[in-house]
Amino acid sequence: MTIETTKEELIDEFSMFEDWMERYEYMIELGKSLPVMHPNFKTKDNIIKGCQSKVWLHAVLNGNKIIFSADSEAIITKGIVAILIRVFSNQSPEVILKTNTDFIDEIGLKEHLSPTRANGLVSMVKKIKMYAIAYQTQIGL
């Protein structure tokens, strides 16, 4: 599935909800659906700096695609990172770096988060892009 298709799916899914309480509930469900992160990946190096609660993001290169795994101690934050992983995981570094994050605004996520969670969201996106830069360099694209 292309990254654009995934973004459109998320926008459509979030547009089905009448209010933000329903959207928060959906985000929590998305967070609960994240595969369990292996405890070995919950390291200091994988903690995303700038998040109010602990968020771990790990990436591996599989062929020319980056596979992300993540976890958080907070249910809303776990839902946020689940959304990002759904969009960016299993994509090439080049595609990740070229992809804009307009879908975040289109689903209204940033405007309905507290300032500290919004900062955390920005930090998560930066970390994903940093992994993409590192792996792009590694595979020589």
C-alpha atoms as a PDB file:
ATOM      1  CA  MET A   1       0.000   0.000   0.000  1.00  0.00           C
ATOM      2  CA  THR A   2       1.288   3.443  -0.836  1.00  0.00           C
ATOM      3  CA  ILE A   3       1.890   6.046   1.812  1.00  0.00           C
ATOM      4  CA  GLU A   4      -0.641   8.373   0.146  1.00  0.00           C
ATOM      5  CA  THR A   5      -3.323   5.665   0.277  1.00  0.00           C
ATOM      6  CA  THR A   6      -2.648   5.105   3.971  1.00  0.00           C
ATOM      7  CA  LYS A   7      -2.870   8.838   4.669  1.00  0.00           C
ATOM      8  CA  GLU A   8      -6.207   9.057   2.824  1.00  0.00           C
ATOM      9  CA  GLU A   9      -7.549   6.058   4.756  1.00  0.00           C
ATOM     10  CA  LEU A  10      -6.700   7.733   8.059  1.00  0.00           C
ATOM     11  CA  ILE A  11      -8.315  10.997   6.985  1.00  0.00           C
ATOM     12  CA  ASP A  12     -11.474   9.099   5.959  1.00  0.00           C
ATOM     13  CA  GLU A  13     -11.535   7.102   9.205  1.00  0.00           C
ATOM     14  CA  PHE A  14     -11.212  10.192  11.392  1.00  0.00           C
ATOM     15  CA  SER A  15     -13.852  12.071   9.384  1.00  0.00           C
ATOM     16  CA  MET A  16     -16.443   9.425  10.357  1.00  0.00           C
ATOM     17  CA  PHE A  17     -16.424  10.621  13.962  1.00  0.00           C
ATOM     18  CA  GLU A  18     -18.714  13.427  15.089  1.00  0.00           C
ATOM     19  CA  ASP A  19     -16.597  14.851  17.880  1.00  0.00           C
ATOM     20  CA  TRP A  20     -13.124  14.717  19.340  1.00  0.00           C
ATOM     21  CA  MET A  21     -14.004  12.430  22.221  1.00  0.00           C
ATOM     22  CA  GLU A  22     -14.822   9.738  19.650  1.00  0.00           C
ATOM     23  CA  ARG A  23     -11.590  10.480  17.804  1.00  0.00           C
ATOM     24  CA  TYR A  24      -9.593  10.181  21.036  1.00  0.00           C
ATOM     25  CA  GLU A  25     -11.257   6.832  21.693  1.00  0.00           C
ATOM     26  CA  TYR A  26     -10.307   5.718  18.194  1.00  0.00           C
ATOM     27  CA  MET A  27      -6.704   6.842  18.742  1.00  0.00           C
ATOM     28  CA  ILE A  28      -6.606   4.831  21.959  1.00  0.00           C
ATOM     29  CA  GLU A  29      -7.840   1.766  20.042  1.00  0.00           C
ATOM     30  CA  LEU A  30      -5.138   2.297  17.415  1.00  0.00           C
ATOM     31  CA  GLY A  31      -2.565   2.442  20.211  1.00  0.00           C
ATOM     32  CA  LYS A  32      -3.870  -0.785  21.702  1.00  0.00           C
ATOM     33  CA  SER A  33      -3.524  -2.458  18.305  1.00  0.00           C
ATOM     34  CA  LEU A  34       0.231  -1.762  18.135  1.00  0.00           C
ATOM     35  CA  PRO A  35       2.265  -4.966  18.276  1.00  0.00           C
ATOM     36  CA  VAL A  36       4.037  -5.400  21.596  1.00  0.00           C
ATOM     37  CA  MET A  37       7.477  -3.842  21.453  1.00  0.00           C
ATOM     38  CA  HIS A  38      10.298  -6.158  22.444  1.00  0.00           C
ATOM     39  CA  PRO A  39      11.683  -5.050  25.822  1.00  0.00           C
ATOM     40  CA  ASN A  40      15.221  -4.958  24.369  1.00  0.00           C
ATOM     41  CA  PHE A  41      14.132  -1.994  22.216  1.00  0.00           C
ATOM     42  CA  LYS A  42      12.959   0.071  25.180  1.00  0.00           C
ATOM     43  CA  THR A  43      16.336   1.711  25.568  1.00  0.00           C
ATOM     44  CA  LYS A  44      17.476   5.223  26.328  1.00  0.00           C
ATOM     45  CA  ASP A  45      18.551   5.627  22.689  1.00  0.00           C
ATOM     46  CA  ASN A  46      15.034   4.816  21.464  1.00  0.00           C
ATOM     47  CA  ILE A  47      13.243   7.285  23.740  1.00  0.00           C
ATOM     48  CA  ILE A  48      11.896  10.249  21.821  1.00  0.00           C
ATOM     49  CA  LYS A  49      13.081  13.446  23.436  1.00  0.00           C
ATOM     50  CA  GLY A  50      10.484  16.194  23.639  1.00  0.00           C
ATOM     51  CA  CYS A  51       7.569  13.985  24.622  1.00  0.00           C
ATOM     52  CA  GLN A  52       5.794  14.516  27.924  1.00  0.00           C
ATOM     53  CA  SER A  53       5.518  10.768  28.528  1.00  0.00           C
ATOM     54  CA  LYS A  54       7.976   8.056  27.583  1.00  0.00           C
ATOM     55  CA  VAL A  55       7.749   7.041  23.931  1.00  0.00           C
ATOM     56  CA  TRP A  56      10.088   4.502  22.389  1.00  0.00           C
ATOM     57  CA  LEU A  57      10.612   4.278  18.636  1.00  0.00           C
ATOM     58  CA  HIS A  58      12.735   1.576  17.060  1.00  0.00           C
ATOM     59  CA  ALA A  59      13.454   1.054  13.374  1.00  0.00           C
ATOM     60  CA  VAL A  60      15.018  -1.694  11.303  1.00  0.00           C
ATOM     61  CA  LEU A  61      15.802  -1.783   7.626  1.00  0.00           C
ATOM     62  CA  ASN A  62      14.253  -4.742   5.834  1.00  0.00           C
ATOM     63  CA  GLY A  63      15.436  -4.719   2.234  1.00  0.00           C
ATOM     64  CA  ASN A  64      14.897  -1.099   1.288  1.00  0.00           C
ATOM     65  CA  LYS A  65      11.928  -0.565   3.642  1.00  0.00           C
ATOM     66  CA  ILE A  66      12.009   0.740   7.199  1.00  0.00           C
ATOM     67  CA  ILE A  67       9.922  -1.143   9.737  1.00  0.00           C
ATOM     68  CA  PHE A  68       9.042   0.837  12.851  1.00  0.00           C
ATOM     69  CA  SER A  69       7.954  -0.417  16.248  1.00  0.00           C
ATOM     70  CA  ALA A  70       6.901   1.797  19.121  1.00  0.00           C
ATOM     71  CA  ASP A  71       5.403   1.927  22.564  1.00  0.00           C
ATOM     72  CA  SER A  72       4.412   4.520  25.136  1.00  0.00           C
ATOM     73  CA  GLU A  73       3.353   4.577  28.747  1.00  0.00           C
ATOM     74  CA  ALA A  74       0.480   6.972  27.964  1.00  0.00           C
ATOM     75  CA  ILE A  75      -2.549   5.762  26.019  1.00  0.00           C
ATOM     76  CA  ILE A  76      -3.111   8.927  23.946  1.00  0.00           C
ATOM     77  CA  THR A  77       0.579   9.157  23.071  1.00  0.00           C
ATOM     78  CA  LYS A  78       0.597   5.486  22.122  1.00  0.00           C
ATOM     79  CA  GLY A  79      -2.311   6.223  19.781  1.00  0.00           C
ATOM     80  CA  ILE A  80      -0.437   9.139  18.210  1.00  0.00           C
ATOM     81  CA  VAL A  81       2.653   7.058  17.538  1.00  0.00           C
ATOM     82  CA  ALA A  82       0.427   4.250  16.198  1.00  0.00           C
ATOM     83  CA  ILE A  83      -0.954   6.675  13.597  1.00  0.00           C
ATOM     84  CA  LEU A  84       2.555   7.695  12.546  1.00  0.00           C
ATOM     85  CA  ILE A  85       3.770   4.098  12.345  1.00  0.00           C
ATOM     86  CA  ARG A  86       0.773   3.154  10.230  1.00  0.00           C
ATOM     87  CA  VAL A  87       1.718   5.849   7.722  1.00  0.00           C
ATOM     88  CA  PHE A  88       5.498   5.587   7.700  1.00  0.00           C
ATOM     89  CA  SER A  89       6.321   1.937   8.466  1.00  0.00           C
ATOM     90  CA  ASN A  90       7.169  -0.401   5.601  1.00  0.00           C
ATOM     91  CA  GLN A  91       8.176   2.498   3.358  1.00  0.00           C
ATOM     92  CA  SER A  92      11.514   3.323   1.787  1.00  0.00           C
ATOM     93  CA  PRO A  93      13.683   6.054   3.314  1.00  0.00           C
ATOM     94  CA  GLU A  94      13.229   8.121   0.148  1.00  0.00           C
ATOM     95  CA  VAL A  95       9.425   7.966   0.347  1.00  0.00           C
ATOM     96  CA  ILE A  96       9.442   8.792   4.073  1.00  0.00           C
ATOM     97  CA  LEU A  97      11.621  11.843   3.499  1.00  0.00           C
ATOM     98  CA  LYS A  98       9.492  13.100   0.599  1.00  0.00           C
ATOM     99  CA  THR A  99       6.188  12.628   2.421  1.00  0.00           C
ATOM    100  CA  ASN A 100       4.621  15.652   4.040  1.00  0.00           C
ATOM    101  CA  THR A 101       2.612  15.420   7.221  1.00  0.00           C
ATOM    102  CA  ASP A 102      -0.460  17.278   5.953  1.00  0.00           C
ATOM    103  CA  PHE A 103      -2.645  14.377   7.079  1.00  0.00           C
ATOM    104  CA  ILE A 104      -1.979  15.374  10.717  1.00  0.00           C
ATOM    105  CA  ASP A 105      -3.651  18.732  10.115  1.00  0.00           C
ATOM    106  CA  GLU A 106      -6.390  17.212   7.962  1.00  0.00           C
ATOM    107  CA  ILE A 107      -7.520  14.875  10.726  1.00  0.00           C
ATOM    108  CA  GLY A 108      -7.313  17.819  13.146  1.00  0.00           C
ATOM    109  CA  LEU A 109      -4.850  16.081  15.390  1.00  0.00           C
ATOM    110  CA  LYS A 110      -2.423  18.902  16.104  1.00  0.00           C
ATOM    111  CA  GLU A 111      -5.115  21.445  16.974  1.00  0.00           C
ATOM    112  CA  HIS A 112      -6.784  19.083  19.480  1.00  0.00           C
ATOM    113  CA  LEU A 113      -3.649  18.141  21.370  1.00  0.00           C
ATOM    114  CA  SER A 114      -2.253  19.901  24.389  1.00  0.00           C
ATOM    115  CA  PRO A 115       0.870  21.955  23.599  1.00  0.00           C
ATOM    116  CA  THR A 116       3.129  19.348  25.203  1.00  0.00           C
ATOM    117  CA  ARG A 117       1.549  16.495  23.198  1.00  0.00           C
ATOM    118  CA  ALA A 118       1.751  18.591  20.011  1.00  0.00           C
ATOM    119  CA  ASN A 119       5.475  19.097  20.694  1.00  0.00           C
ATOM    120  CA  GLY A 120       5.789  15.361  21.248  1.00  0.00           C
ATOM    121  CA  LEU A 121       4.092  14.712  17.905  1.00  0.00           C
ATOM    122  CA  VAL A 122       6.619  16.957  16.161  1.00  0.00           C
ATOM    123  CA  SER A 123       9.451  15.116  17.946  1.00  0.00           C
ATOM    124  CA  MET A 124       8.062  11.744  16.809  1.00  0.00           C
ATOM    125  CA  VAL A 125       7.947  12.884  13.177  1.00  0.00           C
ATOM    126  CA  LYS A 126      11.502  14.244  13.443  1.00  0.00           C
ATOM    127  CA  LYS A 127      12.758  10.924  14.844  1.00  0.00           C
ATOM    128  CA  ILE A 128      11.064   8.994  12.011  1.00  0.00           C
ATOM    129  CA  LYS A 129      12.680  11.321   9.451  1.00  0.00           C
ATOM    130  CA  MET A 130      16.075  10.956  11.187  1.00  0.00           C
ATOM    131  CA  TYR A 131      15.846   7.170  10.893  1.00  0.00           C
ATOM    132  CA  ALA A 132      15.014   7.616   7.202  1.00  0.00           C
ATOM    133  CA  ILE A 133      18.064   9.839   6.676  1.00  0.00           C
ATOM    134  CA  ALA A 134      20.317   7.358   8.472  1.00  0.00           C
ATOM    135  CA  TYR A 135      19.046   4.366   6.506  1.00  0.00           C
ATOM    136  CA  GLN A 136      19.072   6.261   3.216  1.00  0.00           C
ATOM    137  CA  THR A 137      22.754   6.975   3.795  1.00  0.00           C
ATOM    138  CA  GLN A 138      23.362   3.359   4.754  1.00  0.00           C
ATOM    139  CA  ILE A 139      21.825   1.928   1.587  1.00  0.00           C
ATOM    140  CA  GLY A 140      23.427   4.619  -0.540  1.00  0.00           C
ATOM    141  CA  LEU A 141      20.387   6.210  -2.144  1.00  0.00           C
END
